[in-house]
Amino acid sequence: MPEINWSDFEKVDLRVGTVVQVESFPEARQPAYIVHVDFGPEIGVLKSSAQITDRYAKSDLKGKQVVAVVNFPPKQIGPIMSECLITGFQSENGEVVLAVPDETVPNGARLA
């Protein structure tokens, strides 16, 4: 992997937001949800396609804080426009485990 400098890292806007709505996404090629995340008054609510159905039920996600990249350009994924990228790590069996703060922080808080 190529080395980056600090100014490269500063370009990535990683923020915390709270999941406010989760919808089924039957049109997705891989099992996924449409996740609406509230990033506070500065950014608002953004939606994302998230392939996290193996590990998370829709009811488990509502109210959960997640970390997402909020400054990628929107990306068309099937019939929806994904506006942010929810982050996570792959487990040993390939399931995505969400990257989350271990305590509640204000929506819109930037990774420090």
N, C-alpha and C. Protein backbone atom coordinates (compact mmCIF):
# COMPACT_ATOMS: atom_id res chain seq x y z
N MET A 1 0.85 -1.16 0.00
CA MET A 1 0.00 0.00 0.00
C MET A 1 0.90 1.24 0.00
N PRO A 2 0.60 2.23 -0.84
CA PRO A 2 1.45 3.43 -0.87
C PRO A 2 1.33 4.26 0.41
N GLU A 3 2.42 4.87 0.80
CA GLU A 3 2.43 5.74 1.96
C GLU A 3 1.73 7.06 1.60
N ILE A 4 1.00 7.63 2.57
CA ILE A 4 0.35 8.92 2.36
C ILE A 4 0.93 9.92 3.35
N ASN A 5 0.72 11.19 3.07
CA ASN A 5 1.16 12.20 4.02
C ASN A 5 -0.06 12.76 4.76
N TRP A 6 0.21 13.60 5.75
CA TRP A 6 -0.87 14.12 6.60
C TRP A 6 -1.93 14.85 5.79
N SER A 7 -1.52 15.63 4.78
CA SER A 7 -2.51 16.38 3.99
C SER A 7 -3.44 15.44 3.23
N ASP A 8 -2.95 14.26 2.83
CA ASP A 8 -3.83 13.26 2.19
C ASP A 8 -4.88 12.79 3.18
N PHE A 9 -4.45 12.48 4.39
CA PHE A 9 -5.38 12.00 5.42
C PHE A 9 -6.44 13.05 5.76
N GLU A 10 -6.02 14.31 5.80
CA GLU A 10 -6.95 15.39 6.15
C GLU A 10 -8.06 15.56 5.12
N LYS A 11 -7.89 15.04 3.93
CA LYS A 11 -8.91 15.14 2.88
C LYS A 11 -10.09 14.21 3.15
N VAL A 12 -9.88 13.17 3.95
CA VAL A 12 -10.94 12.21 4.24
C VAL A 12 -11.74 12.73 5.43
N ASP A 13 -13.02 12.98 5.21
CA ASP A 13 -13.89 13.53 6.26
C ASP A 13 -14.68 12.39 6.89
N LEU A 14 -14.15 11.87 8.01
CA LEU A 14 -14.80 10.78 8.75
C LEU A 14 -15.59 11.38 9.89
N ARG A 15 -16.89 11.11 9.91
CA ARG A 15 -17.79 11.67 10.91
C ARG A 15 -18.62 10.58 11.57
N VAL A 16 -19.09 10.90 12.76
CA VAL A 16 -20.01 10.02 13.48
C VAL A 16 -21.43 10.49 13.22
N GLY A 17 -22.31 9.53 13.02
CA GLY A 17 -23.73 9.83 12.87
C GLY A 17 -24.56 8.73 13.48
N THR A 18 -25.84 9.03 13.69
CA THR A 18 -26.76 8.06 14.28
C THR A 18 -27.72 7.55 13.20
N VAL A 19 -27.86 6.25 13.13
CA VAL A 19 -28.78 5.62 12.18
C VAL A 19 -30.21 5.99 12.59
N VAL A 20 -30.95 6.60 11.67
CA VAL A 20 -32.32 7.01 11.97
C VAL A 20 -33.36 6.19 11.22
N GLN A 21 -32.94 5.51 10.15
CA GLN A 21 -33.88 4.68 9.38
C GLN A 21 -33.09 3.62 8.63
N VAL A 22 -33.66 2.42 8.53
CA VAL A 22 -33.04 1.33 7.78
C VAL A 22 -34.13 0.69 6.92
N GLU A 23 -33.83 0.57 5.64
CA GLU A 23 -34.79 -0.02 4.70
C GLU A 23 -34.18 -1.26 4.06
N SER A 24 -35.03 -2.19 3.69
CA SER A 24 -34.58 -3.32 2.88
C SER A 24 -34.17 -2.78 1.52
N PHE A 25 -33.26 -3.49 0.86
CA PHE A 25 -32.77 -3.07 -0.46
C PHE A 25 -32.78 -4.30 -1.38
N PRO A 26 -33.99 -4.77 -1.75
CA PRO A 26 -34.08 -6.00 -2.53
C PRO A 26 -33.46 -5.90 -3.93
N GLU A 27 -33.29 -4.68 -4.45
CA GLU A 27 -32.71 -4.51 -5.79
C GLU A 27 -31.19 -4.65 -5.80
N ALA A 28 -30.55 -4.65 -4.64
CA ALA A 28 -29.09 -4.73 -4.57
C ALA A 28 -28.60 -6.08 -5.09
N ARG A 29 -27.44 -6.06 -5.76
CA ARG A 29 -26.84 -7.31 -6.27
C ARG A 29 -26.40 -8.22 -5.12
N GLN A 30 -25.80 -7.62 -4.09
CA GLN A 30 -25.41 -8.33 -2.86
C GLN A 30 -26.39 -7.90 -1.77
N PRO A 31 -26.74 -8.78 -0.83
CA PRO A 31 -27.66 -8.38 0.24
C PRO A 31 -27.18 -7.10 0.94
N ALA A 32 -28.09 -6.13 1.05
CA ALA A 32 -27.72 -4.84 1.63
C ALA A 32 -28.96 -4.16 2.19
N TYR A 33 -28.71 -3.15 3.01
CA TYR A 33 -29.75 -2.24 3.51
C TYR A 33 -29.50 -0.86 2.92
N ILE A 34 -30.55 -0.05 2.90
CA ILE A 34 -30.42 1.39 2.68
C ILE A 34 -30.47 2.00 4.08
N VAL A 35 -29.38 2.64 4.47
CA VAL A 35 -29.24 3.15 5.83
C VAL A 35 -29.21 4.68 5.78
N HIS A 36 -30.08 5.32 6.55
CA HIS A 36 -30.13 6.78 6.66
C HIS A 36 -29.46 7.16 7.97
N VAL A 37 -28.45 8.04 7.87
CA VAL A 37 -27.64 8.40 9.03
C VAL A 37 -27.69 9.91 9.25
N ASP A 38 -27.99 10.32 10.49
CA ASP A 38 -28.04 11.74 10.86
C ASP A 38 -26.67 12.18 11.34
N PHE A 39 -26.04 13.08 10.58
CA PHE A 39 -24.72 13.61 10.92
C PHE A 39 -24.80 15.00 11.54
N GLY A 40 -25.94 15.36 12.10
CA GLY A 40 -26.07 16.64 12.77
C GLY A 40 -26.42 17.77 11.82
N PRO A 41 -26.60 18.99 12.38
CA PRO A 41 -27.12 20.11 11.59
C PRO A 41 -26.19 20.58 10.46
N GLU A 42 -24.90 20.41 10.59
CA GLU A 42 -23.98 20.88 9.55
C GLU A 42 -24.10 20.05 8.26
N ILE A 43 -24.29 18.73 8.42
CA ILE A 43 -24.31 17.82 7.27
C ILE A 43 -25.71 17.31 6.97
N GLY A 44 -26.48 17.02 8.01
CA GLY A 44 -27.83 16.50 7.83
C GLY A 44 -27.86 14.99 7.73
N VAL A 45 -28.94 14.48 7.16
CA VAL A 45 -29.14 13.03 7.01
C VAL A 45 -28.67 12.62 5.63
N LEU A 46 -27.79 11.62 5.59
CA LEU A 46 -27.30 11.05 4.34
C LEU A 46 -27.67 9.58 4.30
N LYS A 47 -27.78 9.04 3.08
CA LYS A 47 -28.10 7.61 2.98
C LYS A 47 -26.95 6.86 2.33
N SER A 48 -26.91 5.58 2.65
CA SER A 48 -25.84 4.71 2.17
C SER A 48 -26.39 3.31 1.93
N SER A 49 -25.83 2.64 0.95
CA SER A 49 -26.09 1.22 0.77
C SER A 49 -25.03 0.49 1.59
N ALA A 50 -25.46 -0.38 2.48
CA ALA A 50 -24.52 -1.06 3.37
C ALA A 50 -24.75 -2.57 3.34
N GLN A 51 -23.69 -3.30 3.00
CA GLN A 51 -23.76 -4.76 2.94
C GLN A 51 -23.44 -5.34 4.31
N ILE A 52 -24.39 -5.18 5.21
CA ILE A 52 -24.19 -5.59 6.60
C ILE A 52 -25.32 -6.50 7.09
N THR A 53 -26.06 -7.09 6.16
CA THR A 53 -27.23 -7.89 6.52
C THR A 53 -26.88 -9.20 7.22
N ASP A 54 -25.67 -9.71 7.01
CA ASP A 54 -25.27 -10.98 7.65
C ASP A 54 -25.16 -10.84 9.16
N ARG A 55 -24.74 -9.68 9.62
CA ARG A 55 -24.40 -9.51 11.03
C ARG A 55 -25.42 -8.65 11.79
N TYR A 56 -26.17 -7.80 11.08
CA TYR A 56 -27.05 -6.83 11.75
C TYR A 56 -28.47 -6.92 11.22
N ALA A 57 -29.42 -6.98 12.15
CA ALA A 57 -30.84 -6.87 11.80
C ALA A 57 -31.18 -5.39 11.71
N LYS A 58 -32.18 -5.07 10.91
CA LYS A 58 -32.59 -3.65 10.78
C LYS A 58 -32.88 -3.05 12.14
N SER A 59 -33.56 -3.79 12.99
CA SER A 59 -33.93 -3.26 14.31
C SER A 59 -32.71 -3.00 15.20
N ASP A 60 -31.61 -3.71 14.98
CA ASP A 60 -30.39 -3.50 15.76
C ASP A 60 -29.67 -2.22 15.36
N LEU A 61 -29.90 -1.75 14.15
CA LEU A 61 -29.15 -0.61 13.63
C LEU A 61 -29.76 0.74 14.01
N LYS A 62 -31.08 0.81 14.12
CA LYS A 62 -31.71 2.10 14.41
C LYS A 62 -31.23 2.60 15.78
N GLY A 63 -30.73 3.84 15.79
CA GLY A 63 -30.21 4.44 17.02
C GLY A 63 -28.73 4.19 17.24
N LYS A 64 -28.10 3.34 16.43
CA LYS A 64 -26.68 3.01 16.59
C LYS A 64 -25.84 4.12 15.94
N GLN A 65 -24.76 4.49 16.59
CA GLN A 65 -23.83 5.45 15.99
C GLN A 65 -22.82 4.69 15.14
N VAL A 66 -22.52 5.26 13.97
CA VAL A 66 -21.57 4.67 13.03
C VAL A 66 -20.57 5.74 12.60
N VAL A 67 -19.47 5.28 12.03
CA VAL A 67 -18.46 6.17 11.47
C VAL A 67 -18.54 6.04 9.95
N ALA A 68 -18.57 7.20 9.26
CA ALA A 68 -18.70 7.16 7.81
C ALA A 68 -17.86 8.25 7.16
N VAL A 69 -17.46 7.99 5.92
CA VAL A 69 -16.83 9.01 5.09
C VAL A 69 -17.96 9.80 4.46
N VAL A 70 -17.96 11.12 4.69
CA VAL A 70 -19.07 11.94 4.21
C VAL A 70 -18.69 12.85 3.03
N ASN A 71 -17.45 12.76 2.55
CA ASN A 71 -17.08 13.65 1.45
C ASN A 71 -16.68 12.92 0.17
N PHE A 72 -17.12 11.67 0.00
CA PHE A 72 -17.02 11.03 -1.31
C PHE A 72 -18.11 11.61 -2.19
N PRO A 73 -17.93 11.64 -3.50
CA PRO A 73 -19.04 12.06 -4.35
C PRO A 73 -20.16 11.02 -4.28
N PRO A 74 -21.41 11.43 -4.40
CA PRO A 74 -22.51 10.46 -4.40
C PRO A 74 -22.29 9.41 -5.49
N LYS A 75 -22.73 8.18 -5.18
CA LYS A 75 -22.54 7.06 -6.11
C LYS A 75 -23.87 6.35 -6.33
N GLN A 76 -24.23 6.18 -7.57
CA GLN A 76 -25.46 5.48 -7.92
C GLN A 76 -25.27 3.99 -7.68
N ILE A 77 -26.10 3.42 -6.83
CA ILE A 77 -26.09 1.98 -6.55
C ILE A 77 -27.50 1.48 -6.81
N GLY A 78 -27.69 0.88 -7.96
CA GLY A 78 -29.04 0.47 -8.36
C GLY A 78 -29.94 1.69 -8.39
N PRO A 79 -31.10 1.61 -7.77
CA PRO A 79 -32.05 2.73 -7.83
C PRO A 79 -31.79 3.84 -6.80
N ILE A 80 -30.75 3.69 -5.96
CA ILE A 80 -30.52 4.73 -4.95
C ILE A 80 -29.18 5.44 -5.19
N MET A 81 -29.09 6.66 -4.68
CA MET A 81 -27.84 7.42 -4.70
C MET A 81 -27.24 7.32 -3.31
N SER A 82 -26.10 6.62 -3.20
CA SER A 82 -25.42 6.50 -1.92
C SER A 82 -24.61 7.77 -1.68
N GLU A 83 -24.81 8.39 -0.51
CA GLU A 83 -24.23 9.70 -0.23
C GLU A 83 -23.08 9.67 0.77
N CYS A 84 -22.84 8.53 1.39
CA CYS A 84 -21.73 8.39 2.33
C CYS A 84 -21.31 6.93 2.35
N LEU A 85 -20.15 6.68 2.94
CA LEU A 85 -19.64 5.31 3.05
C LEU A 85 -19.51 4.95 4.52
N ILE A 86 -20.37 4.06 4.98
CA ILE A 86 -20.31 3.58 6.36
C ILE A 86 -19.11 2.64 6.47
N THR A 87 -18.29 2.83 7.51
CA THR A 87 -17.05 2.06 7.60
C THR A 87 -17.19 0.84 8.50
N GLY A 88 -16.36 -0.14 8.24
CA GLY A 88 -16.33 -1.35 9.03
C GLY A 88 -15.12 -2.18 8.66
N PHE A 89 -14.98 -3.31 9.31
CA PHE A 89 -13.87 -4.22 9.10
C PHE A 89 -14.42 -5.60 8.80
N GLN A 90 -13.72 -6.36 7.96
CA GLN A 90 -14.17 -7.72 7.67
C GLN A 90 -13.73 -8.67 8.77
N SER A 91 -14.67 -9.48 9.23
CA SER A 91 -14.35 -10.52 10.22
C SER A 91 -13.67 -11.68 9.50
N GLU A 92 -13.27 -12.68 10.26
CA GLU A 92 -12.61 -13.85 9.67
C GLU A 92 -13.48 -14.54 8.63
N ASN A 93 -14.82 -14.49 8.83
CA ASN A 93 -15.70 -15.16 7.88
C ASN A 93 -16.24 -14.23 6.80
N GLY A 94 -15.69 -13.00 6.72
CA GLY A 94 -16.06 -12.09 5.65
C GLY A 94 -17.20 -11.14 5.94
N GLU A 95 -17.84 -11.27 7.10
CA GLU A 95 -18.91 -10.35 7.47
C GLU A 95 -18.32 -9.00 7.86
N VAL A 96 -19.07 -7.93 7.57
CA VAL A 96 -18.61 -6.60 7.94
C VAL A 96 -19.02 -6.29 9.37
N VAL A 97 -18.04 -5.90 10.18
CA VAL A 97 -18.26 -5.46 11.55
C VAL A 97 -18.11 -3.94 11.54
N LEU A 98 -19.16 -3.24 11.94
CA LEU A 98 -19.15 -1.78 11.86
C LEU A 98 -18.09 -1.15 12.75
N ALA A 99 -17.48 -0.05 12.25
CA ALA A 99 -16.59 0.77 13.05
C ALA A 99 -17.48 1.76 13.79
N VAL A 100 -17.46 1.68 15.12
CA VAL A 100 -18.36 2.51 15.93
C VAL A 100 -17.59 3.11 17.11
N PRO A 101 -18.02 4.28 17.60
CA PRO A 101 -17.40 4.81 18.82
C PRO A 101 -17.83 3.96 20.01
N ASP A 102 -16.98 3.85 21.03
CA ASP A 102 -17.36 3.04 22.19
C ASP A 102 -18.14 3.83 23.23
N GLU A 103 -18.31 5.12 22.99
CA GLU A 103 -19.20 5.96 23.80
C GLU A 103 -19.96 6.88 22.87
N THR A 104 -21.11 7.38 23.30
CA THR A 104 -21.90 8.30 22.49
C THR A 104 -21.17 9.62 22.35
N VAL A 105 -21.11 10.11 21.12
CA VAL A 105 -20.51 11.42 20.83
C VAL A 105 -21.52 12.20 19.99
N PRO A 106 -21.36 13.52 19.88
CA PRO A 106 -22.33 14.31 19.11
C PRO A 106 -22.33 13.91 17.64
N ASN A 107 -23.53 13.85 17.05
CA ASN A 107 -23.62 13.60 15.62
C ASN A 107 -22.85 14.67 14.87
N GLY A 108 -22.06 14.23 13.89
CA GLY A 108 -21.25 15.16 13.11
C GLY A 108 -19.84 15.31 13.63
N ALA A 109 -19.54 14.71 14.80
CA ALA A 109 -18.18 14.80 15.33
C ALA A 109 -17.21 14.19 14.32
N ARG A 110 -16.11 14.90 14.10
CA ARG A 110 -15.11 14.47 13.14
C ARG A 110 -14.05 13.60 13.83
N LEU A 111 -13.55 12.60 13.11
CA LEU A 111 -12.48 11.77 13.64
C LEU A 111 -11.31 12.67 14.02
N ALA A 112 -10.83 12.52 15.25
CA ALA A 112 -9.73 13.37 15.74
C ALA A 112 -8.43 12.61 15.74
